[in-house]
PDB file of N, CA and C in Angstrom:
ATOM      1  N   CYS A   1     103.550  71.770  86.869  1.00  0.00           N
ATOM      2  CA  CYS A   1     104.784  72.592  87.260  1.00  0.00           C
ATOM      3  C   CYS A   1     105.317  73.500  86.547  1.00  0.00           C
ATOM      4  N   TYR A   2     105.992  73.932  86.919  1.00  0.00           N
ATOM      5  CA  TYR A   2     106.583  75.080  86.187  1.00  0.00           C
ATOM      6  C   TYR A   2     107.918  75.015  85.070  1.00  0.00           C
ATOM      7  N   THR A   3     108.759  74.359  86.014  1.00  0.00           N
ATOM      8  CA  THR A   3     109.822  74.050  85.442  1.00  0.00           C
ATOM      9  C   THR A   3     109.588  72.357  84.342  1.00  0.00           C
ATOM     10  N   ARG A   4     108.456  71.916  84.676  1.00  0.00           N
ATOM     11  CA  ARG A   4     108.092  70.741  83.292  1.00  0.00           C
ATOM     12  C   ARG A   4     107.695  71.655  82.189  1.00  0.00           C
ATOM     13  N   ARG A   5     107.092  72.510  82.640  1.00  0.00           N
ATOM     14  CA  ARG A   5     106.094  73.252  81.260  1.00  0.00           C
ATOM     15  C   ARG A   5     107.347  73.904  80.770  1.00  0.00           C
ATOM     16  N   CYS A   6     108.307  73.958  80.803  1.00  0.00           N
ATOM     17  CA  CYS A   6     109.218  74.606  80.096  1.00  0.00           C
ATOM     18  C   CYS A   6     110.000  73.853  79.391  1.00  0.00           C
ATOM     19  N   VAL A   7     110.567  72.423  80.260  1.00  0.00           N
ATOM     20  CA  VAL A   7     110.895  71.239  79.641  1.00  0.00           C
ATOM     21  C   VAL A   7     110.373  71.253  78.054  1.00  0.00           C
ATOM     22  N   SER A   8     109.237  71.809  77.859  1.00  0.00           N
ATOM     23  CA  SER A   8     107.733  71.226  77.147  1.00  0.00           C
ATOM     24  C   SER A   8     108.227  72.057  75.993  1.00  0.00           C
ATOM     25  N   ARG A   9     108.740  73.508  76.673  1.00  0.00           N
ATOM     26  CA  ARG A   9     108.711  74.139  75.672  1.00  0.00           C
ATOM     27  C   ARG A   9     109.717  74.603  74.896  1.00  0.00           C
ATOM     28  N   VAL A  10     110.645  74.432  75.371  1.00  0.00           N
ATOM     29  CA  VAL A  10     112.249  74.078  75.274  1.00  0.00           C
ATOM     30  C   VAL A  10     111.942  72.710  74.107  1.00  0.00           C
ATOM     31  N   SER A  11     111.959  71.545  74.277  1.00  0.00           N
ATOM     32  CA  SER A  11     111.547  70.360  73.007  1.00  0.00           C
ATOM     33  C   SER A  11     111.187  71.016  72.037  1.00  0.00           C
ATOM     34  N   TYR A  12     110.036  72.177  72.316  1.00  0.00           N
ATOM     35  CA  TYR A  12     109.454  72.528  71.216  1.00  0.00           C
ATOM     36  C   TYR A  12     110.369  73.472  70.828  1.00  0.00           C
ATOM     37  N   TYR A  13     110.737  74.827  71.064  1.00  0.00           N
ATOM     38  CA  TYR A  13     111.216  75.530  70.389  1.00  0.00           C
ATOM     39  C   TYR A  13     112.568  74.753  69.210  1.00  0.00           C
ATOM     40  N   LYS A  14     113.221  73.270  70.084  1.00  0.00           N
ATOM     41  CA  LYS A  14     114.250  72.854  69.661  1.00  0.00           C
ATOM     42  C   LYS A  14     113.561  72.597  67.621  1.00  0.00           C
ATOM     43  N   LYS A  15     112.719  71.196  68.353  1.00  0.00           N
ATOM     44  CA  LYS A  15     112.236  70.747  66.780  1.00  0.00           C
ATOM     45  C   LYS A  15     111.610  71.323  66.387  1.00  0.00           C
ATOM     46  N   SER A  16     110.563  72.425  66.347  1.00  0.00           N
ATOM     47  CA  SER A  16     109.859  73.812  65.336  1.00  0.00           C
ATOM     48  C   SER A  16     110.737  74.153  64.882  1.00  0.00           C
ATOM     49  N   LEU A  17     111.592  75.266  66.013  1.00  0.00           N
ATOM     50  CA  LEU A  17     112.826  76.269  64.566  1.00  0.00           C
ATOM     51  C   LEU A  17     113.931  75.860  64.632  1.00  0.00           C
ATOM     52  N   ASN A  18     114.152  74.376  65.208  1.00  0.00           N
ATOM     53  CA  ASN A  18     115.411  73.916  64.802  1.00  0.00           C
ATOM     54  C   ASN A  18     116.906  74.414  65.057  1.00  0.00           C
ATOM     55  N   VAL A  19     116.359  74.995  66.402  1.00  0.00           N
ATOM     56  CA  VAL A  19     117.412  75.613  66.997  1.00  0.00           C
ATOM     57  C   VAL A  19     118.207  74.707  67.626  1.00  0.00           C
ATOM     58  N   LYS A  20     119.431  75.193  67.760  1.00  0.00           N
ATOM     59  CA  LYS A  20     121.273  74.522  67.646  1.00  0.00           C
ATOM     60  C   LYS A  20     121.536  75.216  68.968  1.00  0.00           C
ATOM     61  N   LEU A  21     121.249  75.227  70.062  1.00  0.00           N
ATOM     62  CA  LEU A  21     121.439  75.840  70.983  1.00  0.00           C
ATOM     63  C   LEU A  21     122.794  74.648  71.843  1.00  0.00           C
ATOM     64  N   GLY A  22     124.190  76.138  72.645  1.00  0.00           N
ATOM     65  CA  GLY A  22     125.625  75.730  71.749  1.00  0.00           C
ATOM     66  C   GLY A  22     125.914  76.142  70.830  1.00  0.00           C
ATOM     67  N   THR A  23     125.899  76.556  69.989  1.00  0.00           N
ATOM     68  CA  THR A  23     126.821  76.584  68.715  1.00  0.00           C
ATOM     69  C   THR A  23     127.063  78.092  69.184  1.00  0.00           C
ATOM     70  N   SER A  24     127.965  78.438  67.648  1.00  0.00           N
ATOM     71  CA  SER A  24     128.084  79.795  67.822  1.00  0.00           C
ATOM     72  C   SER A  24     127.352  80.569  67.319  1.00  0.00           C
ATOM     73  N   SER A  25     125.706  80.460  66.646  1.00  0.00           N
ATOM     74  CA  SER A  25     124.805  81.231  66.746  1.00  0.00           C
ATOM     75  C   SER A  25     123.677  81.334  68.198  1.00  0.00           C
ATOM     76  N   ILE A  26     123.663  80.470  68.744  1.00  0.00           N
ATOM     77  CA  ILE A  26     122.542  80.687  70.162  1.00  0.00           C
ATOM     78  C   ILE A  26     123.709  79.761  71.407  1.00  0.00           C
ATOM     79  N   ARG A  27     124.734  80.893  71.702  1.00  0.00           N
ATOM     80  CA  ARG A  27     125.100  80.713  73.169  1.00  0.00           C
ATOM     81  C   ARG A  27     124.864  80.918  74.002  1.00  0.00           C
ATOM     82  N   ASN A  28     124.138  82.672  74.281  1.00  0.00           N
ATOM     83  CA  ASN A  28     124.071  83.027  75.150  1.00  0.00           C
ATOM     84  C   ASN A  28     121.533  82.981  75.209  1.00  0.00           C
ATOM     85  N   VAL A  29     121.082  83.084  76.193  1.00  0.00           N
ATOM     86  CA  VAL A  29     120.179  83.035  76.311  1.00  0.00           C
ATOM     87  C   VAL A  29     119.652  83.853  76.787  1.00  0.00           C
ATOM     88  N   MET A  30     118.606  84.906  77.047  1.00  0.00           N
ATOM     89  CA  MET A  30     117.786  85.649  78.254  1.00  0.00           C
ATOM     90  C   MET A  30     116.265  85.547  78.292  1.00  0.00           C
ATOM     91  N   ASP A  31     116.132  85.213  79.543  1.00  0.00           N
ATOM     92  CA  ASP A  31     114.962  84.896  79.707  1.00  0.00           C
ATOM     93  C   ASP A  31     114.202  86.128  80.307  1.00  0.00           C
ATOM     94  N   MET A  32     113.121  86.836  80.041  1.00  0.00           N
ATOM     95  CA  MET A  32     113.026  87.881  80.214  1.00  0.00           C
ATOM     96  C   MET A  32     112.101  88.387  80.594  1.00  0.00           C
ATOM     97  N   ASN A  33     111.177  87.422  81.718  1.00  0.00           N
ATOM     98  CA  ASN A  33     110.348  87.068  82.615  1.00  0.00           C
ATOM     99  C   ASN A  33     109.875  85.339  83.444  1.00  0.00           C
ATOM    100  N   ALA A  34     111.784  85.998  83.726  1.00  0.00           N
ATOM    101  CA  ALA A  34     112.120  84.861  84.180  1.00  0.00           C
ATOM    102  C   ALA A  34     111.301  84.057  85.647  1.00  0.00           C
ATOM    103  N   LEU A  35     110.687  84.594  86.413  1.00  0.00           N
ATOM    104  CA  LEU A  35     109.613  84.220  87.483  1.00  0.00           C
ATOM    105  C   LEU A  35     110.960  83.085  89.080  1.00  0.00           C
ATOM    106  N   PHE A  36     110.759  81.895  88.734  1.00  0.00           N
ATOM    107  CA  PHE A  36     111.609  81.113  88.962  1.00  0.00           C
ATOM    108  C   PHE A  36     112.854  80.179  88.412  1.00  0.00           C
ATOM    109  N   GLY A  37     112.734  80.825  87.207  1.00  0.00           N
ATOM    110  CA  GLY A  37     114.415  80.185  86.959  1.00  0.00           C
ATOM    111  C   GLY A  37     114.201  78.988  86.074  1.00  0.00           C
ATOM    112  N   GLY A  38     112.474  79.218  85.617  1.00  0.00           N
ATOM    113  CA  GLY A  38     112.813  77.156  85.361  1.00  0.00           C
ATOM    114  C   GLY A  38     112.028  77.213  83.945  1.00  0.00           C
ATOM    115  N   PHE A  39     112.572  78.475  82.808  1.00  0.00           N
ATOM    116  CA  PHE A  39     113.369  77.746  81.858  1.00  0.00           C
ATOM    117  C   PHE A  39     114.859  77.859  81.844  1.00  0.00           C
ATOM    118  N   ALA A  40     115.414  77.975  83.017  1.00  0.00           N
ATOM    119  CA  ALA A  40     117.212  78.362  82.647  1.00  0.00           C
ATOM    120  C   ALA A  40     117.366  76.687  83.735  1.00  0.00           C
ATOM    121  N   ALA A  41     116.553  76.179  83.854  1.00  0.00           N
ATOM    122  CA  ALA A  41     116.635  74.924  84.335  1.00  0.00           C
ATOM    123  C   ALA A  41     115.950  74.428  82.956  1.00  0.00           C
ATOM    124  N   ALA A  42     115.439  74.064  82.599  1.00  0.00           N
ATOM    125  CA  ALA A  42     115.016  73.115  80.896  1.00  0.00           C
ATOM    126  C   ALA A  42     116.172  73.264  80.614  1.00  0.00           C
ATOM    127  N   LEU A  43     116.963  74.126  80.715  1.00  0.00           N
ATOM    128  CA  LEU A  43     118.117  74.568  79.624  1.00  0.00           C
ATOM    129  C   LEU A  43     119.629  73.310  80.474  1.00  0.00           C
ATOM    130  N   THR A  44     119.780  73.407  81.349  1.00  0.00           N
ATOM    131  CA  THR A  44     120.595  72.772  81.847  1.00  0.00           C
ATOM    132  C   THR A  44     121.504  71.597  81.359  1.00  0.00           C
ATOM    133  N   SER A  45     120.705  70.783  80.365  1.00  0.00           N
ATOM    134  CA  SER A  45     121.875  69.787  79.606  1.00  0.00           C
ATOM    135  C   SER A  45     122.454  70.830  78.472  1.00  0.00           C
ATOM    136  N   ASP A  46     122.433  71.644  78.296  1.00  0.00           N
ATOM    137  CA  ASP A  46     122.185  72.601  76.671  1.00  0.00           C
ATOM    138  C   ASP A  46     123.949  73.243  77.506  1.00  0.00           C
ATOM    139  N   PRO A  47     124.716  73.389  76.172  1.00  0.00           N
ATOM    140  CA  PRO A  47     125.550  74.247  76.446  1.00  0.00           C
ATOM    141  C   PRO A  47     125.675  75.991  76.183  1.00  0.00           C
ATOM    142  N   VAL A  48     124.489  76.321  77.205  1.00  0.00           N
ATOM    143  CA  VAL A  48     124.150  78.228  76.773  1.00  0.00           C
ATOM    144  C   VAL A  48     124.390  78.723  77.989  1.00  0.00           C
ATOM    145  N   TRP A  49     124.449  79.483  78.168  1.00  0.00           N
ATOM    146  CA  TRP A  49     124.527  80.106  79.386  1.00  0.00           C
ATOM    147  C   TRP A  49     122.689  81.552  79.595  1.00  0.00           C
ATOM    148  N   VAL A  50     122.960  81.234  80.391  1.00  0.00           N
ATOM    149  CA  VAL A  50     121.149  81.884  80.629  1.00  0.00           C
ATOM    150  C   VAL A  50     121.404  83.040  81.706  1.00  0.00           C
ATOM    151  N   MET A  51     120.538  84.242  80.901  1.00  0.00           N
ATOM    152  CA  MET A  51     120.697  84.646  82.309  1.00  0.00           C
ATOM    153  C   MET A  51     118.765  85.017  82.761  1.00  0.00           C
ATOM    154  N   ASN A  52     118.849  85.661  83.804  1.00  0.00           N
ATOM    155  CA  ASN A  52     117.269  85.689  84.597  1.00  0.00           C
ATOM    156  C   ASN A  52     117.141  86.489  84.581  1.00  0.00           C
ATOM    157  N   VAL A  53     115.875  87.398  83.781  1.00  0.00           N
ATOM    158  CA  VAL A  53     115.833  88.632  84.168  1.00  0.00           C
ATOM    159  C   VAL A  53     113.725  88.792  84.519  1.00  0.00           C
ATOM    160  N   VAL A  54     113.870  89.132  86.261  1.00  0.00           N
ATOM    161  CA  VAL A  54     113.124  88.968  87.027  1.00  0.00           C
ATOM    162  C   VAL A  54     112.226  90.676  86.553  1.00  0.00           C
ATOM    163  N   PRO A  55     110.657  91.337  86.518  1.00  0.00           N
ATOM    164  CA  PRO A  55     110.497  92.171  86.649  1.00  0.00           C
ATOM    165  C   PRO A  55     110.663  92.597  88.176  1.00  0.00           C
ATOM    166  N   ALA A  56     110.833  94.220  88.376  1.00  0.00           N
ATOM    167  CA  ALA A  56     111.177  94.645  90.055  1.00  0.00           C
ATOM    168  C   ALA A  56     109.974  94.476  90.371  1.00  0.00           C
ATOM    169  N   ARG A  57     109.262  94.439  89.520  1.00  0.00           N
ATOM    170  CA  ARG A  57     107.684  94.674  90.429  1.00  0.00           C
ATOM    171  C   ARG A  57     107.870  92.634  91.646  1.00  0.00           C
ATOM    172  N   GLN A  58     108.352  91.890  91.091  1.00  0.00           N
ATOM    173  CA  GLN A  58     108.516  90.498  91.536  1.00  0.00           C
ATOM    174  C   GLN A  58     109.911  90.220  92.751  1.00  0.00           C
ATOM    175  N   HIS A  59     110.027  91.294  93.387  1.00  0.00           N
ATOM    176  CA  HIS A  59     111.359  91.394  94.145  1.00  0.00           C
ATOM    177  C   HIS A  59     111.089  90.040  95.291  1.00  0.00           C
ATOM    178  N   SER A  60     110.287  88.707  95.474  1.00  0.00           N
ATOM    179  CA  SER A  60     111.019  87.841  96.143  1.00  0.00           C
ATOM    180  C   SER A  60     111.234  86.562  95.021  1.00  0.00           C
ATOM    181  N   MET A  61     111.773  86.643  93.994  1.00  0.00           N
ATOM    182  CA  MET A  61     111.298  85.688  93.187  1.00  0.00           C
ATOM    183  C   MET A  61     112.612  85.323  92.404  1.00  0.00           C
ATOM    184  N   LEU A  62     113.660  86.550  93.035  1.00  0.00           N
ATOM    185  CA  LEU A  62     115.367  86.453  92.688  1.00  0.00           C
ATOM    186  C   LEU A  62     115.832  85.198  93.389  1.00  0.00           C
ATOM    187  N   GLY A  63     115.438  85.167  94.814  1.00  0.00           N
ATOM    188  CA  GLY A  63     115.840  84.657  95.055  1.00  0.00           C
ATOM    189  C   GLY A  63     115.923  83.200  95.246  1.00  0.00           C
ATOM    190  N   VAL A  64     115.077  82.885  94.481  1.00  0.00           N
ATOM    191  CA  VAL A  64     113.978  81.604  94.776  1.00  0.00           C
ATOM    192  C   VAL A  64     115.329  80.718  92.963  1.00  0.00           C
ATOM    193  N   ILE A  65     115.222  81.798  92.338  1.00  0.00           N
ATOM    194  CA  ILE A  65     116.343  81.896  91.102  1.00  0.00           C
ATOM    195  C   ILE A  65     117.595  81.630  91.788  1.00  0.00           C
ATOM    196  N   TYR A  66     118.262  82.523  92.487  1.00  0.00           N
ATOM    197  CA  TYR A  66     119.430  82.279  93.531  1.00  0.00           C
ATOM    198  C   TYR A  66     120.143  80.906  93.803  1.00  0.00           C
ATOM    199  N   ASP A  67     119.056  79.674  94.632  1.00  0.00           N
ATOM    200  CA  ASP A  67     118.968  78.821  95.835  1.00  0.00           C
ATOM    201  C   ASP A  67     118.386  77.831  94.570  1.00  0.00           C
ATOM    202  N   ARG A  68     118.470  78.143  93.079  1.00  0.00           N
ATOM    203  CA  ARG A  68     118.418  76.886  92.302  1.00  0.00           C
ATOM    204  C   ARG A  68     119.990  77.138  91.784  1.00  0.00           C
ATOM    205  N   GLY A  69     121.426  78.256  92.002  1.00  0.00           N
ATOM    206  CA  GLY A  69     122.086  78.038  91.399  1.00  0.00           C
ATOM    207  C   GLY A  69     122.317  78.418  90.326  1.00  0.00           C
ATOM    208  N   LEU A  70     120.985  79.668  89.535  1.00  0.00           N
ATOM    209  CA  LEU A  70     121.004  80.726  88.579  1.00  0.00           C
ATOM    210  C   LEU A  70     121.721  81.808  88.904  1.00  0.00           C
ATOM    211  N   ILE A  71     121.801  82.287  87.570  1.00  0.00           N
ATOM    212  CA  ILE A  71     121.751  83.578  88.119  1.00  0.00           C
ATOM    213  C   ILE A  71     121.005  85.313  87.448  1.00  0.00           C
ATOM    214  N   GLY A  72     120.599  85.918  87.746  1.00  0.00           N
ATOM    215  CA  GLY A  72     119.276  86.731  87.214  1.00  0.00           C
ATOM    216  C   GLY A  72     119.230  88.005  87.693  1.00  0.00           C
ATOM    217  N   MET A  73     118.051  88.996  87.924  1.00  0.00           N
ATOM    218  CA  MET A  73     118.653  90.319  88.120  1.00  0.00           C
ATOM    219  C   MET A  73     116.935  91.116  87.839  1.00  0.00           C
ATOM    220  N   TYR A  74     116.979  92.107  88.103  1.00  0.00           N
ATOM    221  CA  TYR A  74     115.697  92.589  88.776  1.00  0.00           C
ATOM    222  C   TYR A  74     116.310  93.565  87.174  1.00  0.00           C
ATOM    223  N   HIS A  75     114.446  94.030  87.298  1.00  0.00           N
ATOM    224  CA  HIS A  75     114.736  95.143  86.294  1.00  0.00           C
ATOM    225  C   HIS A  75     113.087  95.752  85.588  1.00  0.00           C
ATOM    226  N   ASP A  76     113.374  96.614  85.312  1.00  0.00           N
ATOM    227  CA  ASP A  76     111.775  97.520  85.221  1.00  0.00           C
ATOM    228  C   ASP A  76     111.757  97.982  83.990  1.00  0.00           C
ATOM    229  N   TRP A  77     110.732  97.443  82.630  1.00  0.00           N
ATOM    230  CA  TRP A  77     110.486  97.945  81.804  1.00  0.00           C
ATOM    231  C   TRP A  77     110.001  98.979  81.567  1.00  0.00           C
ATOM    232  N   TYR A  78     109.775 100.354  82.472  1.00  0.00           N
ATOM    233  CA  TYR A  78     109.484 100.852  82.390  1.00  0.00           C
ATOM    234  C   TYR A  78     109.407 101.821  80.902  1.00  0.00           C
ATOM    235  N   VAL A  79     108.817 101.891  80.162  1.00  0.00           N
ATOM    236  CA  VAL A  79     109.578 102.856  79.458  1.00  0.00           C
ATOM    237  C   VAL A  79     108.648 104.214  79.063  1.00  0.00           C
ATOM    238  N   VAL A  80     109.245 104.954  78.206  1.00  0.00           N
ATOM    239  CA  VAL A  80     108.716 106.427  78.056  1.00  0.00           C
ATOM    240  C   VAL A  80     108.815 106.422  76.406  1.00  0.00           C
ATOM    241  N   LEU A  81     107.839 106.822  76.085  1.00  0.00           N
ATOM    242  CA  LEU A  81     107.742 107.340  74.913  1.00  0.00           C
ATOM    243  C   LEU A  81     107.334 108.801  74.327  1.00  0.00           C
ATOM    244  N   SER A  82     108.730 108.991  74.203  1.00  0.00           N
ATOM    245  CA  SER A  82     108.764 110.757  73.487  1.00  0.00           C
ATOM    246  C   SER A  82     108.167 111.305  72.339  1.00  0.00           C
ATOM    247  N   PHE A  83     106.911 112.224  71.852  1.00  0.00           N
ATOM    248  CA  PHE A  83     106.533 112.530  70.652  1.00  0.00           C
ATOM    249  C   PHE A  83     107.344 113.565  70.101  1.00  0.00           C
TER     250      PHE A  83
END
């Protein structure tokens, strides 16, 4: 399950990177490829605010995030490079 994988990743990040979520150093988190909001769901026990960003090509995913009681937005990461 995607959420269980995210819970495992959050646990790994906390242990290996010594991340202190909910402190003055990390209060906000942005999931730049949110899909179903699993990363935010894995952080529900931590005092952080999570913004779920869904790629614009994945239109049906934001409804799932809203249904889970989370917040999110679509974004198109199209980048124009000029030289």
